[in-house]
PDB file of N, CA and C in Angstrom:
ATOM      1  N   MET A   1       0.832  -1.262  -0.022  1.00  0.00           N
ATOM      2  CA  MET A   1      -0.007   0.054  -0.033  1.00  0.00           C
ATOM      3  C   MET A   1       0.902   1.271  -0.033  1.00  0.00           C
ATOM      4  N   CYS A   2       1.751   1.243   0.983  1.00  0.00           N
ATOM      5  CA  CYS A   2       2.662   2.485   1.064  1.00  0.00           C
ATOM      6  C   CYS A   2       4.019   2.063   0.488  1.00  0.00           C
ATOM      7  N   PRO A   3       4.728   2.902  -0.139  1.00  0.00           N
ATOM      8  CA  PRO A   3       6.106   2.535  -0.706  1.00  0.00           C
ATOM      9  C   PRO A   3       6.999   2.349   0.531  1.00  0.00           C
ATOM     10  N   LEU A   4       7.929   1.397   0.293  1.00  0.00           N
ATOM     11  CA  LEU A   4       8.970   1.111   1.380  1.00  0.00           C
ATOM     12  C   LEU A   4       9.828   2.358   1.471  1.00  0.00           C
ATOM     13  N   GLY A   5      10.158   2.660   2.830  1.00  0.00           N
ATOM     14  CA  GLY A   5      10.953   3.799   3.198  1.00  0.00           C
ATOM     15  C   GLY A   5      10.155   5.078   3.391  1.00  0.00           C
ATOM     16  N   SER A   6       8.910   5.001   3.141  1.00  0.00           N
ATOM     17  CA  SER A   6       8.061   6.302   3.266  1.00  0.00           C
ATOM     18  C   SER A   6       7.854   6.547   4.749  1.00  0.00           C
ATOM     19  N   PRO A   7       7.610   7.704   5.213  1.00  0.00           N
ATOM     20  CA  PRO A   7       7.357   8.042   6.531  1.00  0.00           C
ATOM     21  C   PRO A   7       6.001   7.486   7.120  1.00  0.00           C
ATOM     22  N   THR A   8       5.012   7.178   6.195  1.00  0.00           N
ATOM     23  CA  THR A   8       3.823   6.553   6.611  1.00  0.00           C
ATOM     24  C   THR A   8       4.083   5.126   7.221  1.00  0.00           C
ATOM     25  N   VAL A   9       4.951   4.320   6.488  1.00  0.00           N
ATOM     26  CA  VAL A   9       5.174   2.977   7.033  1.00  0.00           C
ATOM     27  C   VAL A   9       5.794   3.011   8.372  1.00  0.00           C
ATOM     28  N   ALA A  10       6.723   4.050   8.633  1.00  0.00           N
ATOM     29  CA  ALA A  10       7.410   4.159   9.945  1.00  0.00           C
ATOM     30  C   ALA A  10       6.348   4.636  11.021  1.00  0.00           C
ATOM     31  N   LEU A  11       5.354   5.425  10.661  1.00  0.00           N
ATOM     32  CA  LEU A  11       4.288   5.746  11.615  1.00  0.00           C
ATOM     33  C   LEU A  11       3.526   4.480  12.054  1.00  0.00           C
ATOM     34  N   ILE A  12       3.174   3.743  10.918  1.00  0.00           N
ATOM     35  CA  ILE A  12       2.266   2.604  11.141  1.00  0.00           C
ATOM     36  C   ILE A  12       3.025   1.510  12.030  1.00  0.00           C
ATOM     37  N   ASP A  13       4.376   1.267  11.746  1.00  0.00           N
ATOM     38  CA  ASP A  13       5.122   0.345  12.538  1.00  0.00           C
ATOM     39  C   ASP A  13       5.151   0.826  14.038  1.00  0.00           C
ATOM     40  N   ASP A  14       5.505   2.254  14.124  1.00  0.00           N
ATOM     41  CA  ASP A  14       5.506   2.735  15.527  1.00  0.00           C
ATOM     42  C   ASP A  14       4.153   2.542  16.297  1.00  0.00           C
ATOM     43  N   ALA A  15       3.083   2.782  15.545  1.00  0.00           N
ATOM     44  CA  ALA A  15       1.799   2.624  16.199  1.00  0.00           C
ATOM     45  C   ALA A  15       1.567   1.206  16.612  1.00  0.00           C
ATOM     46  N   ASN A  16       1.916   0.205  15.711  1.00  0.00           N
ATOM     47  CA  ASN A  16       1.750  -1.176  15.977  1.00  0.00           C
ATOM     48  C   ASN A  16       2.536  -1.579  17.122  1.00  0.00           C
ATOM     49  N   ARG A  17       3.717  -1.156  17.214  1.00  0.00           N
ATOM     50  CA  ARG A  17       4.629  -1.519  18.391  1.00  0.00           C
ATOM     51  C   ARG A  17       3.948  -0.882  19.718  1.00  0.00           C
ATOM     52  N   GLY A  18       3.525   0.285  19.669  1.00  0.00           N
ATOM     53  CA  GLY A  18       2.776   0.852  20.683  1.00  0.00           C
ATOM     54  C   GLY A  18       1.651   0.118  21.202  1.00  0.00           C
ATOM     55  N   ILE A  19       0.840  -0.395  20.214  1.00  0.00           N
ATOM     56  CA  ILE A  19      -0.382  -1.124  20.519  1.00  0.00           C
ATOM     57  C   ILE A  19      -0.006  -2.416  21.200  1.00  0.00           C
ATOM     58  N   CYS A  20       1.004  -3.035  20.755  1.00  0.00           N
ATOM     59  CA  CYS A  20       1.475  -4.283  21.167  1.00  0.00           C
ATOM     60  C   CYS A  20       1.987  -4.184  22.700  1.00  0.00           C
ATOM     61  N   VAL A  21       2.682  -3.013  22.853  1.00  0.00           N
ATOM     62  CA  VAL A  21       3.221  -2.686  24.192  1.00  0.00           C
ATOM     63  C   VAL A  21       2.101  -2.551  25.173  1.00  0.00           C
ATOM     64  N   CYS A  22       1.011  -1.725  24.685  1.00  0.00           N
ATOM     65  CA  CYS A  22      -0.090  -1.578  25.615  1.00  0.00           C
ATOM     66  C   CYS A  22      -0.824  -2.873  25.941  1.00  0.00           C
ATOM     67  N   ILE A  23      -1.051  -3.650  25.019  1.00  0.00           N
ATOM     68  CA  ILE A  23      -1.712  -4.962  25.207  1.00  0.00           C
ATOM     69  C   ILE A  23      -0.925  -5.853  26.091  1.00  0.00           C
ATOM     70  N   ARG A  24       0.477  -5.902  25.938  1.00  0.00           N
ATOM     71  CA  ARG A  24       1.308  -6.627  26.781  1.00  0.00           C
ATOM     72  C   ARG A  24       1.247  -6.171  28.213  1.00  0.00           C
ATOM     73  N   ASN A  25       1.204  -4.805  28.412  1.00  0.00           N
ATOM     74  CA  ASN A  25       1.175  -4.276  29.724  1.00  0.00           C
ATOM     75  C   ASN A  25      -0.131  -4.629  30.493  1.00  0.00           C
ATOM     76  N   LEU A  26      -1.238  -4.459  29.649  1.00  0.00           N
ATOM     77  CA  LEU A  26      -2.517  -4.781  30.244  1.00  0.00           C
ATOM     78  C   LEU A  26      -2.602  -6.198  30.664  1.00  0.00           C
ATOM     79  N   ARG A  27      -1.987  -7.091  29.939  1.00  0.00           N
ATOM     80  CA  ARG A  27      -2.085  -8.477  30.274  1.00  0.00           C
ATOM     81  C   ARG A  27      -1.132  -8.860  31.465  1.00  0.00           C
ATOM     82  N   GLU A  28       0.053  -8.245  31.491  1.00  0.00           N
ATOM     83  CA  GLU A  28       0.978  -8.417  32.633  1.00  0.00           C
ATOM     84  C   GLU A  28       0.430  -7.946  33.913  1.00  0.00           C
ATOM     85  N   PHE A  29      -0.320  -6.807  33.874  1.00  0.00           N
ATOM     86  CA  PHE A  29      -0.790  -6.257  35.100  1.00  0.00           C
ATOM     87  C   PHE A  29      -2.161  -6.825  35.517  1.00  0.00           C
ATOM     88  N   GLY A  30      -2.785  -7.752  34.687  1.00  0.00           N
ATOM     89  CA  GLY A  30      -3.943  -8.433  35.066  1.00  0.00           C
ATOM     90  C   GLY A  30      -5.131  -7.653  34.729  1.00  0.00           C
ATOM     91  N   ILE A  31      -5.058  -6.662  34.062  1.00  0.00           N
ATOM     92  CA  ILE A  31      -6.235  -5.785  33.651  1.00  0.00           C
ATOM     93  C   ILE A  31      -7.055  -6.554  32.690  1.00  0.00           C
ATOM     94  N   LEU A  32      -6.498  -7.205  31.695  1.00  0.00           N
ATOM     95  CA  LEU A  32      -7.240  -7.940  30.666  1.00  0.00           C
ATOM     96  C   LEU A  32      -8.092  -9.105  31.312  1.00  0.00           C
ATOM     97  N   ASP A  33      -7.467  -9.835  32.344  1.00  0.00           N
ATOM     98  CA  ASP A  33      -8.174 -10.781  33.151  1.00  0.00           C
ATOM     99  C   ASP A  33      -9.296 -10.226  33.904  1.00  0.00           C
ATOM    100  N   GLN A  34      -9.185  -9.092  34.400  1.00  0.00           N
ATOM    101  CA  GLN A  34     -10.237  -8.452  35.199  1.00  0.00           C
ATOM    102  C   GLN A  34     -11.391  -8.086  34.212  1.00  0.00           C
ATOM    103  N   TRP A  35     -11.020  -7.459  33.098  1.00  0.00           N
ATOM    104  CA  TRP A  35     -12.102  -7.229  32.199  1.00  0.00           C
ATOM    105  C   TRP A  35     -12.777  -8.417  31.706  1.00  0.00           C
ATOM    106  N   MET A  36     -12.096  -9.508  31.507  1.00  0.00           N
ATOM    107  CA  MET A  36     -12.742 -10.753  31.117  1.00  0.00           C
ATOM    108  C   MET A  36     -13.702 -11.246  32.220  1.00  0.00           C
ATOM    109  N   ARG A  37     -13.257 -11.229  33.455  1.00  0.00           N
ATOM    110  CA  ARG A  37     -14.117 -11.632  34.510  1.00  0.00           C
ATOM    111  C   ARG A  37     -15.427 -10.790  34.649  1.00  0.00           C
ATOM    112  N   GLU A  38     -15.211  -9.476  34.480  1.00  0.00           N
ATOM    113  CA  GLU A  38     -16.362  -8.506  34.559  1.00  0.00           C
ATOM    114  C   GLU A  38     -17.342  -8.707  33.336  1.00  0.00           C
ATOM    115  N   GLY A  39     -16.747  -9.037  32.138  1.00  0.00           N
ATOM    116  CA  GLY A  39     -17.557  -9.185  31.020  1.00  0.00           C
ATOM    117  C   GLY A  39     -18.383 -10.596  30.951  1.00  0.00           C
ATOM    118  N   LEU A  40     -17.777 -11.556  31.648  1.00  0.00           N
ATOM    119  CA  LEU A  40     -18.277 -12.898  31.737  1.00  0.00           C
ATOM    120  C   LEU A  40     -18.760 -13.395  33.036  1.00  0.00           C
ATOM    121  N   ARG A  41     -19.593 -12.455  33.685  1.00  0.00           N
ATOM    122  CA  ARG A  41     -20.004 -12.857  35.086  1.00  0.00           C
ATOM    123  C   ARG A  41     -20.723 -14.001  35.127  1.00  0.00           C
ATOM    124  N   ASN A  42     -21.715 -14.421  34.086  1.00  0.00           N
ATOM    125  CA  ASN A  42     -22.414 -15.634  34.122  1.00  0.00           C
ATOM    126  C   ASN A  42     -21.758 -16.590  33.118  1.00  0.00           C
ATOM    127  N   GLY A  43     -20.460 -16.458  32.936  1.00  0.00           N
ATOM    128  CA  GLY A  43     -19.875 -17.447  31.978  1.00  0.00           C
ATOM    129  C   GLY A  43     -19.904 -18.843  32.516  1.00  0.00           C
ATOM    130  N   THR A  44     -19.906 -19.128  33.710  1.00  0.00           N
ATOM    131  CA  THR A  44     -19.919 -20.494  34.221  1.00  0.00           C
ATOM    132  C   THR A  44     -21.248 -21.156  33.913  1.00  0.00           C
ATOM    133  N   ARG A  45     -22.378 -20.264  33.781  1.00  0.00           N
ATOM    134  CA  ARG A  45     -23.652 -20.832  33.520  1.00  0.00           C
ATOM    135  C   ARG A  45     -23.766 -21.206  32.063  1.00  0.00           C
ATOM    136  N   CYS A  46     -22.961 -20.503  31.174  1.00  0.00           N
ATOM    137  CA  CYS A  46     -23.084 -20.758  29.707  1.00  0.00           C
ATOM    138  C   CYS A  46     -22.400 -22.152  29.499  1.00  0.00           C
ATOM    139  N   TYR A  47     -21.402 -22.556  30.321  1.00  0.00           N
ATOM    140  CA  TYR A  47     -20.721 -23.721  29.968  1.00  0.00           C
ATOM    141  C   TYR A  47     -21.260 -25.027  30.689  1.00  0.00           C
ATOM    142  N   THR A  48     -22.420 -24.783  31.380  1.00  0.00           N
ATOM    143  CA  THR A  48     -23.005 -25.916  31.938  1.00  0.00           C
ATOM    144  C   THR A  48     -23.802 -26.686  30.941  1.00  0.00           C
ATOM    145  N   PRO A  49     -23.963 -28.043  30.930  1.00  0.00           N
ATOM    146  CA  PRO A  49     -24.808 -28.759  29.990  1.00  0.00           C
ATOM    147  C   PRO A  49     -26.228 -28.254  29.960  1.00  0.00           C
ATOM    148  N   ALA A  50     -26.878 -28.311  28.892  1.00  0.00           N
ATOM    149  CA  ALA A  50     -28.199 -27.810  28.638  1.00  0.00           C
ATOM    150  C   ALA A  50     -29.220 -28.633  29.523  1.00  0.00           C
ATOM    151  N   ASP A  51     -28.940 -30.033  29.652  1.00  0.00           N
ATOM    152  CA  ASP A  51     -29.906 -30.800  30.451  1.00  0.00           C
ATOM    153  C   ASP A  51     -29.677 -30.667  31.957  1.00  0.00           C
ATOM    154  N   ALA A  52     -28.694 -29.958  32.349  1.00  0.00           N
ATOM    155  CA  ALA A  52     -28.363 -29.822  33.843  1.00  0.00           C
ATOM    156  C   ALA A  52     -29.536 -29.141  34.571  1.00  0.00           C
ATOM    157  N   GLU A  53     -30.144 -28.071  33.996  1.00  0.00           N
ATOM    158  CA  GLU A  53     -31.255 -27.280  34.506  1.00  0.00           C
ATOM    159  C   GLU A  53     -32.469 -28.218  34.480  1.00  0.00           C
ATOM    160  N   ALA A  54     -32.629 -28.950  33.430  1.00  0.00           N
ATOM    161  CA  ALA A  54     -33.908 -29.680  33.246  1.00  0.00           C
ATOM    162  C   ALA A  54     -33.878 -30.820  34.197  1.00  0.00           C
ATOM    163  N   LYS A  55     -32.750 -31.459  34.507  1.00  0.00           N
ATOM    164  CA  LYS A  55     -32.768 -32.470  35.612  1.00  0.00           C
ATOM    165  C   LYS A  55     -33.133 -31.937  36.955  1.00  0.00           C
ATOM    166  N   ALA A  56     -32.669 -30.689  37.312  1.00  0.00           N
ATOM    167  CA  ALA A  56     -32.955 -30.070  38.489  1.00  0.00           C
ATOM    168  C   ALA A  56     -34.455 -29.776  38.641  1.00  0.00           C
ATOM    169  N   LYS A  57     -35.188 -29.673  37.570  1.00  0.00           N
ATOM    170  CA  LYS A  57     -36.638 -29.238  37.646  1.00  0.00           C
ATOM    171  C   LYS A  57     -37.564 -30.447  37.444  1.00  0.00           C
ATOM    172  N   GLU A  58     -37.093 -31.635  37.328  1.00  0.00           N
ATOM    173  CA  GLU A  58     -37.920 -32.760  37.090  1.00  0.00           C
ATOM    174  C   GLU A  58     -38.727 -33.076  38.345  1.00  0.00           C
ATOM    175  N   ARG A  59     -39.916 -33.589  38.076  1.00  0.00           N
ATOM    176  CA  ARG A  59     -40.784 -33.946  39.258  1.00  0.00           C
ATOM    177  C   ARG A  59     -41.758 -34.992  38.762  1.00  0.00           C
ATOM    178  N   PRO A  60     -42.377 -35.728  39.648  1.00  0.00           N
ATOM    179  CA  PRO A  60     -43.294 -36.643  39.209  1.00  0.00           C
ATOM    180  C   PRO A  60     -44.560 -36.016  38.636  1.00  0.00           C
ATOM    181  N   LEU A  61     -45.249 -36.598  37.693  1.00  0.00           N
ATOM    182  CA  LEU A  61     -46.411 -36.088  37.117  1.00  0.00           C
ATOM    183  C   LEU A  61     -47.672 -36.177  37.980  1.00  0.00           C
ATOM    184  N   ALA A  62     -48.512 -35.126  37.980  1.00  0.00           N
ATOM    185  CA  ALA A  62     -49.645 -35.155  38.781  1.00  0.00           C
ATOM    186  C   ALA A  62     -50.863 -35.090  37.863  1.00  0.00           C
ATOM    187  N   LEU A  63     -52.114 -35.242  38.365  1.00  0.00           N
ATOM    188  CA  LEU A  63     -53.267 -35.192  37.571  1.00  0.00           C
ATOM    189  C   LEU A  63     -53.429 -33.884  36.888  1.00  0.00           C
ATOM    190  N   GLN A  64     -53.072 -32.864  37.639  1.00  0.00           N
ATOM    191  CA  GLN A  64     -53.199 -31.490  36.892  1.00  0.00           C
ATOM    192  C   GLN A  64     -52.393 -31.395  35.618  1.00  0.00           C
ATOM    193  N   ASP A  65     -51.310 -32.159  35.486  1.00  0.00           N
ATOM    194  CA  ASP A  65     -50.540 -32.058  34.223  1.00  0.00           C
ATOM    195  C   ASP A  65     -51.312 -32.710  33.076  1.00  0.00           C
ATOM    196  N   PHE A  66     -52.273 -33.496  33.297  1.00  0.00           N
ATOM    197  CA  PHE A  66     -53.039 -34.009  32.204  1.00  0.00           C
ATOM    198  C   PHE A  66     -54.326 -33.389  31.917  1.00  0.00           C
ATOM    199  N   TYR A  67     -54.692 -32.222  32.450  1.00  0.00           N
ATOM    200  CA  TYR A  67     -55.878 -31.554  32.210  1.00  0.00           C
ATOM    201  C   TYR A  67     -55.997 -31.185  30.782  1.00  0.00           C
ATOM    202  N   GLY A  68     -54.904 -30.648  30.237  1.00  0.00           N
ATOM    203  CA  GLY A  68     -54.899 -30.220  28.843  1.00  0.00           C
ATOM    204  C   GLY A  68     -55.195 -31.280  27.781  1.00  0.00           C
ATOM    205  N   ILE A  69     -54.610 -32.457  28.201  1.00  0.00           N
ATOM    206  CA  ILE A  69     -54.903 -33.610  27.333  1.00  0.00           C
ATOM    207  C   ILE A  69     -56.272 -34.112  27.480  1.00  0.00           C
ATOM    208  N   PHE A  70     -56.688 -34.154  28.679  1.00  0.00           N
ATOM    209  CA  PHE A  70     -58.164 -34.656  28.857  1.00  0.00           C
ATOM    210  C   PHE A  70     -59.117 -33.569  28.160  1.00  0.00           C
ATOM    211  N   LEU A  71     -58.862 -32.379  28.233  1.00  0.00           N
ATOM    212  CA  LEU A  71     -59.703 -31.362  27.572  1.00  0.00           C
ATOM    213  C   LEU A  71     -59.738 -31.522  26.083  1.00  0.00           C
ATOM    214  N   LEU A  72     -58.545 -31.754  25.459  1.00  0.00           N
ATOM    215  CA  LEU A  72     -58.529 -32.029  24.052  1.00  0.00           C
ATOM    216  C   LEU A  72     -59.301 -33.361  23.675  1.00  0.00           C
ATOM    217  N   TYR A  73     -59.100 -34.455  24.503  1.00  0.00           N
ATOM    218  CA  TYR A  73     -59.879 -35.606  24.256  1.00  0.00           C
ATOM    219  C   TYR A  73     -61.377 -35.361  24.334  1.00  0.00           C
ATOM    220  N   LEU A  74     -61.876 -34.629  25.364  1.00  0.00           N
ATOM    221  CA  LEU A  74     -63.253 -34.328  25.483  1.00  0.00           C
ATOM    222  C   LEU A  74     -63.677 -33.574  24.331  1.00  0.00           C
ATOM    223  N   ALA A  75     -63.014 -32.527  23.834  1.00  0.00           N
ATOM    224  CA  ALA A  75     -63.389 -31.792  22.653  1.00  0.00           C
ATOM    225  C   ALA A  75     -63.405 -32.646  21.446  1.00  0.00           C
ATOM    226  N   GLY A  76     -62.613 -33.612  21.275  1.00  0.00           N
ATOM    227  CA  GLY A  76     -62.722 -34.517  20.120  1.00  0.00           C
ATOM    228  C   GLY A  76     -63.913 -35.334  20.264  1.00  0.00           C
ATOM    229  N   GLN A  77     -64.256 -35.829  21.477  1.00  0.00           N
ATOM    230  CA  GLN A  77     -65.357 -36.706  21.597  1.00  0.00           C
ATOM    231  C   GLN A  77     -66.691 -35.974  21.341  1.00  0.00           C
ATOM    232  N   LEU A  78     -66.658 -34.775  21.882  1.00  0.00           N
ATOM    233  CA  LEU A  78     -67.971 -33.893  21.586  1.00  0.00           C
ATOM    234  C   LEU A  78     -68.057 -33.526  20.115  1.00  0.00           C
ATOM    235  N   THR A  79     -67.005 -33.296  19.424  1.00  0.00           N
ATOM    236  CA  THR A  79     -67.101 -33.017  17.966  1.00  0.00           C
ATOM    237  C   THR A  79     -67.590 -34.226  17.260  1.00  0.00           C
ATOM    238  N   ALA A  80     -67.050 -35.440  17.587  1.00  0.00           N
ATOM    239  CA  ALA A  80     -67.468 -36.674  16.949  1.00  0.00           C
ATOM    240  C   ALA A  80     -69.020 -36.860  17.188  1.00  0.00           C
ATOM    241  N   LEU A  81     -69.424 -36.604  18.449  1.00  0.00           N
ATOM    242  CA  LEU A  81     -70.874 -36.812  18.782  1.00  0.00           C
ATOM    243  C   LEU A  81     -71.688 -35.826  17.997  1.00  0.00           C
ATOM    244  N   ALA A  82     -71.331 -34.635  17.906  1.00  0.00           N
ATOM    245  CA  ALA A  82     -72.049 -33.589  17.073  1.00  0.00           C
ATOM    246  C   ALA A  82     -72.148 -33.948  15.590  1.00  0.00           C
ATOM    247  N   ILE A  83     -71.081 -34.486  15.004  1.00  0.00           N
ATOM    248  CA  ILE A  83     -71.053 -34.985  13.645  1.00  0.00           C
ATOM    249  C   ILE A  83     -71.998 -36.159  13.540  1.00  0.00           C
ATOM    250  N   LEU A  84     -72.049 -37.099  14.384  1.00  0.00           N
ATOM    251  CA  LEU A  84     -72.825 -38.194  14.351  1.00  0.00           C
ATOM    252  C   LEU A  84     -74.388 -37.812  14.374  1.00  0.00           C
ATOM    253  N   VAL A  85     -74.697 -36.835  15.264  1.00  0.00           N
ATOM    254  CA  VAL A  85     -76.038 -36.493  15.460  1.00  0.00           C
ATOM    255  C   VAL A  85     -76.511 -35.720  14.081  1.00  0.00           C
ATOM    256  N   CYS A  86     -75.613 -34.978  13.582  1.00  0.00           N
ATOM    257  CA  CYS A  86     -75.874 -34.186  12.317  1.00  0.00           C
ATOM    258  C   CYS A  86     -76.067 -35.281  11.192  1.00  0.00           C
ATOM    259  N   GLU A  87     -75.320 -36.272  11.131  1.00  0.00           N
ATOM    260  CA  GLU A  87     -75.438 -37.258  10.050  1.00  0.00           C
ATOM    261  C   GLU A  87     -76.779 -38.095  10.139  1.00  0.00           C
ATOM    262  N   MET A  88     -77.060 -38.356  11.539  1.00  0.00           N
ATOM    263  CA  MET A  88     -78.288 -39.048  11.750  1.00  0.00           C
ATOM    264  C   MET A  88     -79.604 -38.205  11.334  1.00  0.00           C
ATOM    265  N   PHE A  89     -79.424 -36.951  11.621  1.00  0.00           N
ATOM    266  CA  PHE A  89     -80.582 -36.125  11.339  1.00  0.00           C
ATOM    267  C   PHE A  89     -80.715 -35.846   9.826  1.00  0.00           C
ATOM    268  N   LEU A  90     -79.604 -35.715   9.133  1.00  0.00           N
ATOM    269  CA  LEU A  90     -79.580 -35.472   7.765  1.00  0.00           C
ATOM    270  C   LEU A  90     -80.056 -36.835   7.038  1.00  0.00           C
ATOM    271  N   SER A  91     -79.619 -37.793   7.523  1.00  0.00           N
ATOM    272  CA  SER A  91     -79.956 -39.076   7.020  1.00  0.00           C
ATOM    273  C   SER A  91     -81.553 -39.407   7.115  1.00  0.00           C
ATOM    274  N   ASN A  92     -82.099 -39.027   8.260  1.00  0.00           N
ATOM    275  CA  ASN A  92     -83.556 -39.071   8.433  1.00  0.00           C
ATOM    276  C   ASN A  92     -84.279 -38.235   7.457  1.00  0.00           C
ATOM    277  N   MET A  93     -83.825 -37.030   7.275  1.00  0.00           N
ATOM    278  CA  MET A  93     -84.439 -36.026   6.407  1.00  0.00           C
ATOM    279  C   MET A  93     -84.372 -36.547   4.911  1.00  0.00           C
ATOM    280  N   THR A  94     -83.385 -37.132   4.475  1.00  0.00           N
ATOM    281  CA  THR A  94     -83.174 -37.468   3.201  1.00  0.00           C
ATOM    282  C   THR A  94     -84.022 -38.808   2.819  1.00  0.00           C
ATOM    283  N   THR A  95     -83.997 -39.755   3.798  1.00  0.00           N
ATOM    284  CA  THR A  95     -84.827 -40.983   3.652  1.00  0.00           C
ATOM    285  C   THR A  95     -86.316 -40.675   3.647  1.00  0.00           C
ATOM    286  N   SER A  96     -86.759 -39.679   4.531  1.00  0.00           N
ATOM    287  CA  SER A  96     -88.140 -39.432   4.483  1.00  0.00           C
ATOM    288  C   SER A  96     -88.637 -38.740   3.240  1.00  0.00           C
ATOM    289  N   ASP A  97     -87.769 -37.851   2.664  1.00  0.00           N
ATOM    290  CA  ASP A  97     -88.057 -37.264   1.383  1.00  0.00           C
ATOM    291  C   ASP A  97     -88.133 -38.285   0.276  1.00  0.00           C
ATOM    292  N   ASP A  98     -87.172 -39.289   0.284  1.00  0.00           N
ATOM    293  CA  ASP A  98     -87.230 -40.295  -0.770  1.00  0.00           C
ATOM    294  C   ASP A  98     -88.522 -41.180  -0.590  1.00  0.00           C
ATOM    295  N   GLU A  99     -88.821 -41.438   0.621  1.00  0.00           N
ATOM    296  CA  GLU A  99     -90.095 -42.320   0.848  1.00  0.00           C
ATOM    297  C   GLU A  99     -91.281 -41.566   0.427  1.00  0.00           C
ATOM    298  N   LYS A 100     -91.350 -40.263   0.605  1.00  0.00           N
ATOM    299  CA  LYS A 100     -92.551 -39.454   0.130  1.00  0.00           C
ATOM    300  C   LYS A 100     -92.610 -39.478  -1.432  1.00  0.00           C
ATOM    301  N   LYS A 101     -91.585 -39.509  -2.140  1.00  0.00           N
ATOM    302  CA  LYS A 101     -91.714 -39.504  -3.580  1.00  0.00           C
ATOM    303  C   LYS A 101     -92.028 -40.868  -4.220  1.00  0.00           C
ATOM    304  N   ARG A 102     -91.846 -41.940  -3.458  1.00  0.00           N
ATOM    305  CA  ARG A 102     -92.192 -43.220  -3.993  1.00  0.00           C
ATOM    306  C   ARG A 102     -93.722 -43.397  -3.890  1.00  0.00           C
ATOM    307  N   PRO A 103     -94.342 -43.999  -4.963  1.00  0.00           N
ATOM    308  CA  PRO A 103     -95.772 -44.288  -4.991  1.00  0.00           C
ATOM    309  C   PRO A 103     -96.224 -45.336  -4.081  1.00  0.00           C
TER     310      PRO A 103
END
């Protein structure tokens, strides 16, 4: 990018050396470690297995856990009964009309 020997290359090299020295000093004095600990306060929670929390919350099932399933079952049975009644009613209406047309 810059021709060799130009003053820009010297400035960039000096800046890079300065940055490296700053980073090395931060690491040696423990400031980088402190920043990492502050930034990752809940870091240990991130490294726990996903099923660890689920195992802690497991409990035996109770009747209340099945209320939703029973409600769906009841809704299905009522829907089936309503369809059966409608079919029987419509069946009686059509057979009575056919019988009336016959001589």
